[in-house]
Amino acid sequence: MTHQIYSEVTASISELKKNPMAAVDSGEGFPIAVLNRNKPAFYCVPAEVYEAMLDRLDDQELAAIVKKRSAEPSVRVDLNEL
């Protein structure tokens, strides 16, 4: 059975156990697919990439909220009345 691998670089579990930082560095800043018996077990993602992914997900959630609320009626407010 074939499996889609979403990374250009792969490492085996054994390689990861032997030298984790060398496995991570082999991705040169990009995620690596860690294989177990030639099947992707998980992806090892550098911290900077992971943080950027979380930022983009947060931005998408905020954009969805803005889009949803843009259809709501607006309320006129006078700052002097607050």
N, C-alpha and C. Protein backbone atom coordinates (compact mmCIF):
# COMPACT_ATOMS: atom_id res chain seq x y z
N MET A 1 0.84 -1.17 0.00
CA MET A 1 0.00 0.00 0.00
C MET A 1 0.90 1.25 0.00
N THR A 2 0.55 2.21 -0.82
CA THR A 2 1.34 3.44 -0.89
C THR A 2 0.75 4.50 0.05
N HIS A 3 1.63 5.40 0.44
CA HIS A 3 1.22 6.47 1.36
C HIS A 3 1.73 7.79 0.84
N GLN A 4 0.89 8.80 0.91
CA GLN A 4 1.29 10.16 0.52
C GLN A 4 2.22 10.70 1.58
N ILE A 5 3.36 11.25 1.16
CA ILE A 5 4.30 11.87 2.09
C ILE A 5 4.37 13.35 1.75
N TYR A 6 4.08 14.17 2.72
CA TYR A 6 4.01 15.62 2.52
C TYR A 6 5.31 16.31 2.93
N SER A 7 6.42 15.75 2.52
CA SER A 7 7.72 16.31 2.83
C SER A 7 8.72 15.80 1.81
N GLU A 8 9.71 16.63 1.51
CA GLU A 8 10.74 16.21 0.57
C GLU A 8 11.83 15.39 1.25
N VAL A 9 11.92 15.51 2.57
CA VAL A 9 12.96 14.81 3.33
C VAL A 9 12.30 13.83 4.29
N THR A 10 12.88 12.63 4.38
CA THR A 10 12.37 11.62 5.30
C THR A 10 13.50 11.10 6.18
N ALA A 11 13.13 10.56 7.31
CA ALA A 11 14.07 9.90 8.22
C ALA A 11 13.33 8.74 8.86
N SER A 12 14.07 7.71 9.19
CA SER A 12 13.45 6.58 9.87
C SER A 12 13.44 6.84 11.37
N ILE A 13 12.62 6.08 12.08
CA ILE A 13 12.58 6.18 13.53
C ILE A 13 13.98 5.92 14.09
N SER A 14 14.68 4.93 13.52
CA SER A 14 16.03 4.59 13.99
C SER A 14 16.98 5.76 13.83
N GLU A 15 16.92 6.44 12.68
CA GLU A 15 17.77 7.61 12.46
C GLU A 15 17.45 8.71 13.46
N LEU A 16 16.16 8.90 13.73
CA LEU A 16 15.74 9.93 14.67
C LEU A 16 16.24 9.61 16.08
N LYS A 17 16.14 8.34 16.48
CA LYS A 17 16.62 7.94 17.81
C LYS A 17 18.13 8.10 17.93
N LYS A 18 18.84 7.76 16.87
CA LYS A 18 20.30 7.81 16.90
C LYS A 18 20.82 9.24 17.07
N ASN A 19 20.27 10.15 16.31
CA ASN A 19 20.75 11.54 16.36
C ASN A 19 19.59 12.47 15.97
N PRO A 20 18.76 12.85 16.94
CA PRO A 20 17.58 13.65 16.63
C PRO A 20 17.88 14.97 15.93
N MET A 21 18.89 15.69 16.39
CA MET A 21 19.19 16.99 15.80
C MET A 21 19.71 16.85 14.37
N ALA A 22 20.46 15.81 14.09
CA ALA A 22 20.92 15.59 12.71
C ALA A 22 19.73 15.32 11.79
N ALA A 23 18.75 14.57 12.30
CA ALA A 23 17.55 14.30 11.50
C ALA A 23 16.80 15.59 11.22
N VAL A 24 16.65 16.42 12.25
CA VAL A 24 15.94 17.69 12.06
C VAL A 24 16.73 18.60 11.12
N ASP A 25 18.03 18.67 11.30
CA ASP A 25 18.87 19.52 10.45
C ASP A 25 18.87 19.07 8.99
N SER A 26 18.62 17.78 8.75
CA SER A 26 18.60 17.30 7.36
C SER A 26 17.47 17.93 6.56
N GLY A 27 16.46 18.44 7.25
CA GLY A 27 15.36 19.12 6.56
C GLY A 27 15.69 20.54 6.17
N GLU A 28 16.81 21.06 6.64
CA GLU A 28 17.26 22.41 6.32
C GLU A 28 16.16 23.46 6.54
N GLY A 29 15.49 23.36 7.69
CA GLY A 29 14.45 24.33 8.03
C GLY A 29 13.05 23.94 7.60
N PHE A 30 12.93 22.85 6.86
CA PHE A 30 11.62 22.38 6.42
C PHE A 30 11.23 21.14 7.21
N PRO A 31 9.95 20.80 7.25
CA PRO A 31 9.52 19.60 7.97
C PRO A 31 10.12 18.33 7.36
N ILE A 32 10.31 17.33 8.21
CA ILE A 32 10.73 16.02 7.72
C ILE A 32 9.66 15.00 8.10
N ALA A 33 9.48 14.02 7.26
CA ALA A 33 8.55 12.94 7.55
C ALA A 33 9.34 11.83 8.24
N VAL A 34 8.88 11.40 9.40
CA VAL A 34 9.52 10.31 10.12
C VAL A 34 8.74 9.04 9.81
N LEU A 35 9.47 8.06 9.28
CA LEU A 35 8.84 6.84 8.81
C LEU A 35 9.03 5.70 9.79
N ASN A 36 8.00 4.89 9.91
CA ASN A 36 8.05 3.66 10.68
C ASN A 36 7.60 2.54 9.75
N ARG A 37 8.53 1.65 9.43
CA ARG A 37 8.26 0.57 8.45
C ARG A 37 7.79 1.15 7.11
N ASN A 38 8.46 2.20 6.69
CA ASN A 38 8.22 2.87 5.40
C ASN A 38 6.85 3.53 5.29
N LYS A 39 6.21 3.79 6.43
CA LYS A 39 4.96 4.53 6.44
C LYS A 39 5.17 5.78 7.30
N PRO A 40 4.62 6.92 6.89
CA PRO A 40 4.77 8.12 7.72
C PRO A 40 4.14 7.92 9.09
N ALA A 41 4.94 8.11 10.14
CA ALA A 41 4.45 8.00 11.51
C ALA A 41 4.08 9.39 12.03
N PHE A 42 4.92 10.36 11.72
CA PHE A 42 4.65 11.75 12.11
C PHE A 42 5.60 12.66 11.35
N TYR A 43 5.34 13.95 11.46
CA TYR A 43 6.19 14.95 10.83
C TYR A 43 6.91 15.74 11.91
N CYS A 44 8.17 15.94 11.70
CA CYS A 44 8.99 16.72 12.63
C CYS A 44 9.14 18.11 12.01
N VAL A 45 8.60 19.09 12.71
CA VAL A 45 8.53 20.45 12.18
C VAL A 45 9.39 21.38 13.04
N PRO A 46 10.29 22.15 12.44
CA PRO A 46 11.07 23.11 13.23
C PRO A 46 10.17 24.10 13.95
N ALA A 47 10.64 24.60 15.08
CA ALA A 47 9.83 25.49 15.92
C ALA A 47 9.33 26.70 15.15
N GLU A 48 10.17 27.30 14.31
CA GLU A 48 9.76 28.50 13.58
C GLU A 48 8.61 28.20 12.62
N VAL A 49 8.66 27.03 11.98
CA VAL A 49 7.61 26.64 11.05
C VAL A 49 6.31 26.36 11.81
N TYR A 50 6.42 25.69 12.94
CA TYR A 50 5.25 25.39 13.75
C TYR A 50 4.58 26.67 14.23
N GLU A 51 5.37 27.62 14.70
CA GLU A 51 4.83 28.90 15.16
C GLU A 51 4.14 29.65 14.02
N ALA A 52 4.74 29.61 12.84
CA ALA A 52 4.13 30.27 11.68
C ALA A 52 2.81 29.59 11.30
N MET A 53 2.76 28.26 11.41
CA MET A 53 1.52 27.54 11.12
C MET A 53 0.42 27.95 12.09
N LEU A 54 0.76 28.04 13.38
CA LEU A 54 -0.23 28.45 14.37
C LEU A 54 -0.72 29.88 14.13
N ASP A 55 0.20 30.76 13.75
CA ASP A 55 -0.19 32.14 13.43
C ASP A 55 -1.17 32.18 12.26
N ARG A 56 -0.89 31.39 11.23
CA ARG A 56 -1.78 31.38 10.05
C ARG A 56 -3.14 30.81 10.40
N LEU A 57 -3.17 29.76 11.21
CA LEU A 57 -4.46 29.20 11.63
C LEU A 57 -5.25 30.21 12.44
N ASP A 58 -4.57 30.93 13.32
CA ASP A 58 -5.23 31.96 14.12
C ASP A 58 -5.78 33.06 13.21
N ASP A 59 -5.00 33.47 12.23
CA ASP A 59 -5.45 34.49 11.27
C ASP A 59 -6.69 34.02 10.50
N GLN A 60 -6.70 32.75 10.11
CA GLN A 60 -7.86 32.22 9.38
C GLN A 60 -9.11 32.22 10.25
N GLU A 61 -8.94 31.85 11.52
CA GLU A 61 -10.09 31.86 12.43
C GLU A 61 -10.61 33.28 12.63
N LEU A 62 -9.70 34.24 12.80
CA LEU A 62 -10.12 35.63 12.96
C LEU A 62 -10.81 36.15 11.69
N ALA A 63 -10.29 35.79 10.54
CA ALA A 63 -10.91 36.21 9.27
C ALA A 63 -12.32 35.65 9.15
N ALA A 64 -12.53 34.42 9.59
CA ALA A 64 -13.86 33.82 9.53
C ALA A 64 -14.82 34.56 10.46
N ILE A 65 -14.33 34.97 11.63
CA ILE A 65 -15.18 35.74 12.56
C ILE A 65 -15.54 37.09 11.95
N VAL A 66 -14.57 37.75 11.36
CA VAL A 66 -14.82 39.05 10.72
C VAL A 66 -15.84 38.90 9.60
N LYS A 67 -15.67 37.88 8.79
CA LYS A 67 -16.61 37.66 7.67
C LYS A 67 -18.02 37.40 8.19
N LYS A 68 -18.13 36.61 9.24
CA LYS A 68 -19.44 36.30 9.81
C LYS A 68 -20.09 37.56 10.38
N ARG A 69 -19.29 38.37 11.07
CA ARG A 69 -19.84 39.56 11.72
C ARG A 69 -20.06 40.72 10.76
N SER A 70 -19.48 40.67 9.59
CA SER A 70 -19.66 41.78 8.64
C SER A 70 -21.10 41.90 8.16
N ALA A 71 -21.85 40.83 8.27
CA ALA A 71 -23.25 40.86 7.85
C ALA A 71 -24.18 41.39 8.94
N GLU A 72 -23.66 41.53 10.15
CA GLU A 72 -24.48 42.02 11.26
C GLU A 72 -24.74 43.52 11.09
N PRO A 73 -25.87 43.99 11.59
CA PRO A 73 -26.15 45.43 11.50
C PRO A 73 -25.18 46.20 12.41
N SER A 74 -24.81 47.38 11.96
CA SER A 74 -23.90 48.21 12.76
C SER A 74 -24.70 49.09 13.71
N VAL A 75 -24.05 49.50 14.78
CA VAL A 75 -24.68 50.35 15.78
C VAL A 75 -23.87 51.64 15.84
N ARG A 76 -24.55 52.75 15.68
CA ARG A 76 -23.89 54.05 15.71
C ARG A 76 -23.63 54.42 17.17
N VAL A 77 -22.38 54.84 17.46
CA VAL A 77 -22.00 55.19 18.83
C VAL A 77 -21.35 56.56 18.83
N ASP A 78 -21.74 57.37 19.79
CA ASP A 78 -21.12 58.68 19.98
C ASP A 78 -20.15 58.56 21.15
N LEU A 79 -18.90 58.87 20.93
CA LEU A 79 -17.90 58.74 21.97
C LEU A 79 -18.19 59.61 23.18
N ASN A 80 -18.83 60.74 22.97
CA ASN A 80 -19.17 61.62 24.08
C ASN A 80 -20.23 61.01 25.02
N GLU A 81 -21.01 60.09 24.50
CA GLU A 81 -22.04 59.45 25.32
C GLU A 81 -21.51 58.30 26.14
N LEU A 82 -20.32 57.87 25.85
CA LEU A 82 -19.76 56.73 26.59
C LEU A 82 -19.25 57.15 27.89
